[in-house]
Amino acid sequence: MGYYNQDELQNTIGTLMSDTICDNEINAENAILHHKEGVDLIPANLDLSAIEFSLVNAMSREFTLKNSIRGIKDNYDYVLIDCMPSLGMITINALACSDKIIIPVQGEYLAAKGMGHLLKTVTRVQKQINPNLKIGGVLLTLVDKRTNLSKDVRDTLIDNYGQYVKIYGAEIPKAINTAKSTSTGKSIFEFDKNSPVANAYNNLAKEVLENERTRQKDGTSKVR
């Protein structure tokens, strides 16, 4: 997104969580960066990995992230939390303060096999920490249309989990432009707004919003 020197930033999600753990005064507004593409963000850097260890002995450790952003979340219609691909305490914190999650699954068999473990973790979080947490859907990523592998993975996900969770129709394709946009410090929309990846994310956003409107219109939750 155009921020190259993350390690030099004084205010990050890591410093906010550290202040929360130490019971210091928190001002999440100071950590917000206003991007020219109309997105506000709180950055993270390598210091966030150290928070995993700090959380071990923290009081109410599952709610550290929730308490860190409590003062700003109501200022936005949507707050997106980009999690690392692990089920450590940082991810548990994200699940504890979320209303809904989107599960990205790479278009390969090993990634699909991890779904069962993740769903069990989500169920435990729902029962013990955040009863309001819902699964918005499963998003297939790094899809290679040149092979049948991604189609086979989608079919496997539908067969094994389709009755429990929504499998999004939108798919994020594998593309070299994604890596190029990251290296230039631009989002895929600024780098190449007409690329297949940009179109795929637009389709995902439309699908998510349409599902939300349908749920509100019906007065029932269609996501599990």
C-alpha atoms as a PDB file:
ATOM      1  CA  MET A   1       0.000   0.000   0.000  1.00  0.00           C
ATOM      2  CA  GLY A   2       2.986   2.310  -0.392  1.00  0.00           C
ATOM      3  CA  TYR A   3       4.566   2.141   3.074  1.00  0.00           C
ATOM      4  CA  TYR A   4       8.088   0.816   2.750  1.00  0.00           C
ATOM      5  CA  ASN A   5       9.574   1.584   6.170  1.00  0.00           C
ATOM      6  CA  GLN A   6       7.160  -0.269   8.421  1.00  0.00           C
ATOM      7  CA  ASP A   7       9.894  -1.077  10.927  1.00  0.00           C
ATOM      8  CA  GLU A   8      10.461   2.658  11.509  1.00  0.00           C
ATOM      9  CA  LEU A   9       6.824   3.380  12.385  1.00  0.00           C
ATOM     10  CA  GLN A  10       6.339   4.361  16.010  1.00  0.00           C
ATOM     11  CA  ASN A  11       2.670   3.389  16.184  1.00  0.00           C
ATOM     12  CA  THR A  12       1.513  -0.007  14.935  1.00  0.00           C
ATOM     13  CA  ILE A  13      -1.005  -2.634  15.930  1.00  0.00           C
ATOM     14  CA  GLY A  14       1.860  -4.247  17.840  1.00  0.00           C
ATOM     15  CA  THR A  15       2.537  -1.147  19.951  1.00  0.00           C
ATOM     16  CA  LEU A  16      -1.191  -0.753  20.630  1.00  0.00           C
ATOM     17  CA  MET A  17      -1.452  -4.332  21.852  1.00  0.00           C
ATOM     18  CA  SER A  18       1.717  -3.936  23.908  1.00  0.00           C
ATOM     19  CA  ASP A  19       0.289  -0.822  25.587  1.00  0.00           C
ATOM     20  CA  THR A  20      -2.934  -2.699  26.287  1.00  0.00           C
ATOM     21  CA  ILE A  21      -1.026  -5.571  27.893  1.00  0.00           C
ATOM     22  CA  CYS A  22       0.957  -3.116  30.043  1.00  0.00           C
ATOM     23  CA  ASP A  23      -2.216  -1.188  30.924  1.00  0.00           C
ATOM     24  CA  ASN A  24      -0.819   1.994  29.382  1.00  0.00           C
ATOM     25  CA  GLU A  25      -2.968   4.757  27.918  1.00  0.00           C
ATOM     26  CA  ILE A  26      -4.136   3.823  24.425  1.00  0.00           C
ATOM     27  CA  ASN A  27      -4.828   6.160  21.522  1.00  0.00           C
ATOM     28  CA  ALA A  28      -5.512   4.058  18.457  1.00  0.00           C
ATOM     29  CA  GLU A  29      -6.140   7.194  16.383  1.00  0.00           C
ATOM     30  CA  ASN A  30      -2.401   7.927  16.487  1.00  0.00           C
ATOM     31  CA  ALA A  31      -1.666   4.616  14.771  1.00  0.00           C
ATOM     32  CA  ILE A  32      -4.019   5.158  11.822  1.00  0.00           C
ATOM     33  CA  LEU A  33      -2.470   5.894   8.439  1.00  0.00           C
ATOM     34  CA  HIS A  34      -4.705   7.559   5.844  1.00  0.00           C
ATOM     35  CA  HIS A  35      -3.943   6.121   2.424  1.00  0.00           C
ATOM     36  CA  LYS A  36      -4.496   8.123  -0.756  1.00  0.00           C
ATOM     37  CA  GLU A  37      -6.790   5.393  -2.135  1.00  0.00           C
ATOM     38  CA  GLY A  38      -9.340   6.149   0.567  1.00  0.00           C
ATOM     39  CA  VAL A  39      -8.384   3.410   2.988  1.00  0.00           C
ATOM     40  CA  ASP A  40      -7.423   3.936   6.622  1.00  0.00           C
ATOM     41  CA  LEU A  41      -5.104   1.333   8.075  1.00  0.00           C
ATOM     42  CA  ILE A  42      -3.173   0.457  11.192  1.00  0.00           C
ATOM     43  CA  PRO A  43       0.103  -1.101  10.051  1.00  0.00           C
ATOM     44  CA  ALA A  44       1.958  -4.064  11.461  1.00  0.00           C
ATOM     45  CA  ASN A  45       5.627  -4.965  11.305  1.00  0.00           C
ATOM     46  CA  LEU A  46       7.988  -7.618  12.627  1.00  0.00           C
ATOM     47  CA  ASP A  47       7.426  -6.400  16.190  1.00  0.00           C
ATOM     48  CA  LEU A  48       3.997  -8.025  16.077  1.00  0.00           C
ATOM     49  CA  SER A  49       5.575 -11.477  16.251  1.00  0.00           C
ATOM     50  CA  ALA A  50       6.938 -10.641  19.708  1.00  0.00           C
ATOM     51  CA  ILE A  51       3.413  -9.953  20.959  1.00  0.00           C
ATOM     52  CA  GLU A  52       2.680 -13.692  20.758  1.00  0.00           C
ATOM     53  CA  PHE A  53       5.066 -14.217  23.668  1.00  0.00           C
ATOM     54  CA  SER A  54       3.774 -11.213  25.613  1.00  0.00           C
ATOM     55  CA  LEU A  55       0.229 -12.554  25.384  1.00  0.00           C
ATOM     56  CA  VAL A  56       1.127 -15.767  27.209  1.00  0.00           C
ATOM     57  CA  ASN A  57       0.912 -14.149  30.641  1.00  0.00           C
ATOM     58  CA  ALA A  58      -1.442 -11.282  29.780  1.00  0.00           C
ATOM     59  CA  MET A  59      -4.762 -10.886  31.573  1.00  0.00           C
ATOM     60  CA  SER A  60      -7.771 -11.557  29.324  1.00  0.00           C
ATOM     61  CA  ARG A  61      -5.240 -12.218  26.587  1.00  0.00           C
ATOM     62  CA  GLU A  62      -7.838 -13.228  23.986  1.00  0.00           C
ATOM     63  CA  PHE A  63      -9.345  -9.725  24.121  1.00  0.00           C
ATOM     64  CA  THR A  64      -6.135  -7.693  23.822  1.00  0.00           C
ATOM     65  CA  LEU A  65      -6.722  -6.722  20.191  1.00  0.00           C
ATOM     66  CA  LYS A  66     -10.393  -5.988  20.841  1.00  0.00           C
ATOM     67  CA  ASN A  67      -9.488  -3.655  23.695  1.00  0.00           C
ATOM     68  CA  SER A  68      -6.769  -2.020  21.584  1.00  0.00           C
ATOM     69  CA  ILE A  69      -9.159  -0.879  18.834  1.00  0.00           C
ATOM     70  CA  ARG A  70     -12.256  -0.383  20.960  1.00  0.00           C
ATOM     71  CA  GLY A  71     -12.130   3.406  20.605  1.00  0.00           C
ATOM     72  CA  ILE A  72     -12.109   3.497  16.792  1.00  0.00           C
ATOM     73  CA  LYS A  73     -14.066   0.535  15.440  1.00  0.00           C
ATOM     74  CA  ASP A  74     -17.392   2.366  15.599  1.00  0.00           C
ATOM     75  CA  ASN A  75     -16.017   5.037  13.243  1.00  0.00           C
ATOM     76  CA  TYR A  76     -16.111   2.627  10.309  1.00  0.00           C
ATOM     77  CA  ASP A  77     -18.710   0.568   8.469  1.00  0.00           C
ATOM     78  CA  TYR A  78     -16.208  -2.245   8.000  1.00  0.00           C
ATOM     79  CA  VAL A  79     -12.933  -3.064   9.732  1.00  0.00           C
ATOM     80  CA  LEU A  80     -10.840  -5.732   8.014  1.00  0.00           C
ATOM     81  CA  ILE A  81      -8.217  -7.687   9.944  1.00  0.00           C
ATOM     82  CA  ASP A  82      -5.584  -9.373   7.790  1.00  0.00           C
ATOM     83  CA  CYS A  83      -4.289 -12.376   9.718  1.00  0.00           C
ATOM     84  CA  MET A  84      -1.109 -14.343   9.289  1.00  0.00           C
ATOM     85  CA  PRO A  85      -1.595 -17.990   8.186  1.00  0.00           C
ATOM     86  CA  SER A  86      -1.424 -19.507  11.646  1.00  0.00           C
ATOM     87  CA  LEU A  87      -3.704 -20.249  14.575  1.00  0.00           C
ATOM     88  CA  GLY A  88      -1.594 -18.551  17.224  1.00  0.00           C
ATOM     89  CA  MET A  89      -2.773 -16.069  19.836  1.00  0.00           C
ATOM     90  CA  ILE A  90      -2.763 -13.156  17.385  1.00  0.00           C
ATOM     91  CA  THR A  91      -5.267 -14.964  15.181  1.00  0.00           C
ATOM     92  CA  ILE A  92      -7.342 -15.979  18.215  1.00  0.00           C
ATOM     93  CA  ASN A  93      -7.413 -12.291  19.169  1.00  0.00           C
ATOM     94  CA  ALA A  94      -8.679 -11.439  15.687  1.00  0.00           C
ATOM     95  CA  LEU A  95     -11.435 -14.049  15.968  1.00  0.00           C
ATOM     96  CA  ALA A  96     -12.363 -12.752  19.410  1.00  0.00           C
ATOM     97  CA  CYS A  97     -13.069  -9.237  18.143  1.00  0.00           C
ATOM     98  CA  SER A  98     -14.642 -10.100  14.779  1.00  0.00           C
ATOM     99  CA  ASP A  99     -18.271 -10.386  13.756  1.00  0.00           C
ATOM    100  CA  LYS A 100     -17.553 -12.444  10.675  1.00  0.00           C
ATOM    101  CA  ILE A 101     -14.597 -14.157   9.028  1.00  0.00           C
ATOM    102  CA  ILE A 102     -13.626 -14.926   5.457  1.00  0.00           C
ATOM    103  CA  ILE A 103     -11.430 -18.008   5.184  1.00  0.00           C
ATOM    104  CA  PRO A 104      -8.898 -17.892   2.320  1.00  0.00           C
ATOM    105  CA  VAL A 105      -7.893 -21.297   0.982  1.00  0.00           C
ATOM    106  CA  GLN A 106      -5.205 -21.704  -1.636  1.00  0.00           C
ATOM    107  CA  GLY A 107      -6.172 -23.755  -4.651  1.00  0.00           C
ATOM    108  CA  GLU A 108      -4.202 -26.824  -3.580  1.00  0.00           C
ATOM    109  CA  TYR A 109      -5.005 -29.973  -1.636  1.00  0.00           C
ATOM    110  CA  LEU A 110      -2.788 -29.356   1.399  1.00  0.00           C
ATOM    111  CA  ALA A 111      -4.461 -26.004   2.046  1.00  0.00           C
ATOM    112  CA  ALA A 112      -7.907 -27.585   1.762  1.00  0.00           C
ATOM    113  CA  LYS A 113      -6.936 -30.269   4.274  1.00  0.00           C
ATOM    114  CA  GLY A 114      -6.335 -27.590   6.921  1.00  0.00           C
ATOM    115  CA  MET A 115      -9.966 -26.474   6.770  1.00  0.00           C
ATOM    116  CA  GLY A 116     -11.149 -29.047   9.294  1.00  0.00           C
ATOM    117  CA  HIS A 117      -8.697 -27.890  11.958  1.00  0.00           C
ATOM    118  CA  LEU A 118      -9.557 -24.243  11.347  1.00  0.00           C
ATOM    119  CA  LEU A 119     -13.299 -24.870  11.604  1.00  0.00           C
ATOM    120  CA  LYS A 120     -12.767 -26.675  14.917  1.00  0.00           C
ATOM    121  CA  THR A 121     -10.840 -23.658  16.203  1.00  0.00           C
ATOM    122  CA  VAL A 122     -13.619 -21.316  15.086  1.00  0.00           C
ATOM    123  CA  THR A 123     -16.179 -23.506  16.861  1.00  0.00           C
ATOM    124  CA  ARG A 124     -14.166 -23.359  20.098  1.00  0.00           C
ATOM    125  CA  VAL A 125     -13.900 -19.571  19.821  1.00  0.00           C
ATOM    126  CA  GLN A 126     -17.660 -19.348  19.274  1.00  0.00           C
ATOM    127  CA  LYS A 127     -18.362 -21.477  22.347  1.00  0.00           C
ATOM    128  CA  GLN A 128     -15.791 -20.031  24.730  1.00  0.00           C
ATOM    129  CA  ILE A 129     -14.884 -16.500  23.631  1.00  0.00           C
ATOM    130  CA  ASN A 130     -17.061 -14.909  20.946  1.00  0.00           C
ATOM    131  CA  PRO A 131     -20.553 -16.376  20.503  1.00  0.00           C
ATOM    132  CA  ASN A 132     -21.367 -13.737  17.854  1.00  0.00           C
ATOM    133  CA  LEU A 133     -18.645 -14.907  15.470  1.00  0.00           C
ATOM    134  CA  LYS A 134     -19.922 -16.180  12.115  1.00  0.00           C
ATOM    135  CA  ILE A 135     -18.233 -17.581   9.037  1.00  0.00           C
ATOM    136  CA  GLY A 136     -18.947 -15.349   6.066  1.00  0.00           C
ATOM    137  CA  GLY A 137     -17.545 -17.838   3.601  1.00  0.00           C
ATOM    138  CA  VAL A 138     -14.545 -19.599   2.107  1.00  0.00           C
ATOM    139  CA  LEU A 139     -12.521 -17.805  -0.575  1.00  0.00           C
ATOM    140  CA  LEU A 140     -10.401 -19.780  -3.033  1.00  0.00           C
ATOM    141  CA  THR A 141      -7.101 -17.988  -3.749  1.00  0.00           C
ATOM    142  CA  LEU A 142      -4.047 -18.471  -5.973  1.00  0.00           C
ATOM    143  CA  VAL A 143      -6.270 -20.184  -8.511  1.00  0.00           C
ATOM    144  CA  ASP A 144      -4.482 -21.415 -11.637  1.00  0.00           C
ATOM    145  CA  LYS A 145      -7.053 -21.643 -14.414  1.00  0.00           C
ATOM    146  CA  ARG A 146      -4.578 -23.543 -16.596  1.00  0.00           C
ATOM    147  CA  THR A 147      -5.004 -26.684 -14.516  1.00  0.00           C
ATOM    148  CA  ASN A 148      -7.911 -28.646 -13.059  1.00  0.00           C
ATOM    149  CA  LEU A 149      -6.406 -28.665  -9.563  1.00  0.00           C
ATOM    150  CA  SER A 150      -8.238 -25.582  -8.303  1.00  0.00           C
ATOM    151  CA  LYS A 151     -11.532 -26.898  -9.687  1.00  0.00           C
ATOM    152  CA  ASP A 152     -10.925 -30.200  -7.898  1.00  0.00           C
ATOM    153  CA  VAL A 153     -10.156 -28.340  -4.662  1.00  0.00           C
ATOM    154  CA  ARG A 154     -13.356 -26.283  -5.012  1.00  0.00           C
ATOM    155  CA  ASP A 155     -15.376 -29.461  -5.576  1.00  0.00           C
ATOM    156  CA  THR A 156     -13.736 -31.034  -2.511  1.00  0.00           C
ATOM    157  CA  LEU A 157     -14.548 -27.991  -0.359  1.00  0.00           C
ATOM    158  CA  ILE A 158     -18.166 -28.011  -1.527  1.00  0.00           C
ATOM    159  CA  ASP A 159     -18.529 -31.753  -0.924  1.00  0.00           C
ATOM    160  CA  ASN A 160     -16.931 -31.684   2.540  1.00  0.00           C
ATOM    161  CA  TYR A 161     -17.943 -28.277   3.895  1.00  0.00           C
ATOM    162  CA  GLY A 162     -20.578 -26.809   1.589  1.00  0.00           C
ATOM    163  CA  GLN A 163     -23.397 -27.788   3.927  1.00  0.00           C
ATOM    164  CA  TYR A 164     -21.736 -25.893   6.791  1.00  0.00           C
ATOM    165  CA  VAL A 165     -20.199 -22.800   5.183  1.00  0.00           C
ATOM    166  CA  LYS A 166     -20.643 -20.725   2.044  1.00  0.00           C
ATOM    167  CA  ILE A 167     -18.067 -21.224  -0.705  1.00  0.00           C
ATOM    168  CA  TYR A 168     -17.755 -17.877  -2.484  1.00  0.00           C
ATOM    169  CA  GLY A 169     -18.278 -17.870  -6.231  1.00  0.00           C
ATOM    170  CA  ALA A 170     -15.485 -15.302  -6.602  1.00  0.00           C
ATOM    171  CA  GLU A 171     -11.982 -16.733  -6.926  1.00  0.00           C
ATOM    172  CA  ILE A 172      -8.656 -14.902  -6.685  1.00  0.00           C
ATOM    173  CA  PRO A 173      -6.391 -15.983  -9.565  1.00  0.00           C
ATOM    174  CA  LYS A 174      -2.672 -16.506  -9.394  1.00  0.00           C
ATOM    175  CA  ALA A 175      -0.994 -13.627 -11.219  1.00  0.00           C
ATOM    176  CA  ILE A 176       2.442 -12.074 -11.424  1.00  0.00           C
ATOM    177  CA  ASN A 177       0.894  -8.598 -11.278  1.00  0.00           C
ATOM    178  CA  THR A 178       0.066  -9.179  -7.619  1.00  0.00           C
ATOM    179  CA  ALA A 179       3.732  -9.555  -6.705  1.00  0.00           C
ATOM    180  CA  LYS A 180       4.680  -6.622  -8.925  1.00  0.00           C
ATOM    181  CA  SER A 181       2.138  -4.317  -7.281  1.00  0.00           C
ATOM    182  CA  THR A 182       3.470  -5.225  -3.844  1.00  0.00           C
ATOM    183  CA  SER A 183       7.053  -4.482  -4.875  1.00  0.00           C
ATOM    184  CA  THR A 184       6.034  -1.033  -6.140  1.00  0.00           C
ATOM    185  CA  GLY A 185       4.151  -0.181  -2.956  1.00  0.00           C
ATOM    186  CA  LYS A 186       0.804   0.060  -4.737  1.00  0.00           C
ATOM    187  CA  SER A 187      -2.450  -1.805  -4.343  1.00  0.00           C
ATOM    188  CA  ILE A 188      -3.531  -3.984  -7.241  1.00  0.00           C
ATOM    189  CA  PHE A 189      -6.252  -1.415  -8.008  1.00  0.00           C
ATOM    190  CA  GLU A 190      -3.760   1.409  -8.461  1.00  0.00           C
ATOM    191  CA  PHE A 191      -1.191  -0.780 -10.214  1.00  0.00           C
ATOM    192  CA  ASP A 192      -3.570  -2.406 -12.710  1.00  0.00           C
ATOM    193  CA  LYS A 193      -7.240  -1.771 -12.013  1.00  0.00           C
ATOM    194  CA  ASN A 194      -8.347  -3.860 -15.002  1.00  0.00           C
ATOM    195  CA  SER A 195      -6.309  -6.935 -14.092  1.00  0.00           C
ATOM    196  CA  PRO A 196      -7.992 -10.290 -13.382  1.00  0.00           C
ATOM    197  CA  VAL A 197      -6.952 -10.024  -9.721  1.00  0.00           C
ATOM    198  CA  ALA A 198      -8.492  -6.566  -9.296  1.00  0.00           C
ATOM    199  CA  ASN A 199     -11.681  -7.747 -10.990  1.00  0.00           C
ATOM    200  CA  ALA A 200     -11.778 -10.810  -8.748  1.00  0.00           C
ATOM    201  CA  TYR A 201     -11.550  -8.709  -5.581  1.00  0.00           C
ATOM    202  CA  ASN A 202     -14.264  -6.410  -6.907  1.00  0.00           C
ATOM    203  CA  ASN A 203     -16.473  -9.445  -7.505  1.00  0.00           C
ATOM    204  CA  LEU A 204     -15.752 -10.691  -3.991  1.00  0.00           C
ATOM    205  CA  ALA A 205     -16.706  -7.333  -2.471  1.00  0.00           C
ATOM    206  CA  LYS A 206     -19.969  -7.309  -4.435  1.00  0.00           C
ATOM    207  CA  GLU A 207     -20.735 -10.874  -3.361  1.00  0.00           C
ATOM    208  CA  VAL A 208     -20.053 -10.166   0.313  1.00  0.00           C
ATOM    209  CA  LEU A 209     -22.202  -7.022   0.292  1.00  0.00           C
ATOM    210  CA  GLU A 210     -25.023  -8.733  -1.589  1.00  0.00           C
ATOM    211  CA  ASN A 211     -25.023 -11.608   0.905  1.00  0.00           C
ATOM    212  CA  GLU A 212     -25.196  -9.097   3.744  1.00  0.00           C
ATOM    213  CA  ARG A 213     -28.117  -7.258   2.150  1.00  0.00           C
ATOM    214  CA  THR A 214     -29.957 -10.539   1.582  1.00  0.00           C
ATOM    215  CA  ARG A 215     -29.389 -11.593   5.180  1.00  0.00           C
ATOM    216  CA  GLN A 216     -30.687  -8.283   6.516  1.00  0.00           C
ATOM    217  CA  LYS A 217     -33.699  -8.366   4.192  1.00  0.00           C
ATOM    218  CA  ASP A 218     -34.648 -11.890   5.243  1.00  0.00           C
ATOM    219  CA  GLY A 219     -34.081 -11.070   8.890  1.00  0.00           C
ATOM    220  CA  THR A 220     -32.143 -14.277   9.342  1.00  0.00           C
ATOM    221  CA  SER A 221     -28.488 -15.188   9.250  1.00  0.00           C
ATOM    222  CA  LYS A 222     -27.624 -17.344   6.278  1.00  0.00           C
ATOM    223  CA  VAL A 223     -23.990 -17.573   7.228  1.00  0.00           C
ATOM    224  CA  ARG A 224     -22.959 -20.126   9.763  1.00  0.00           C
END
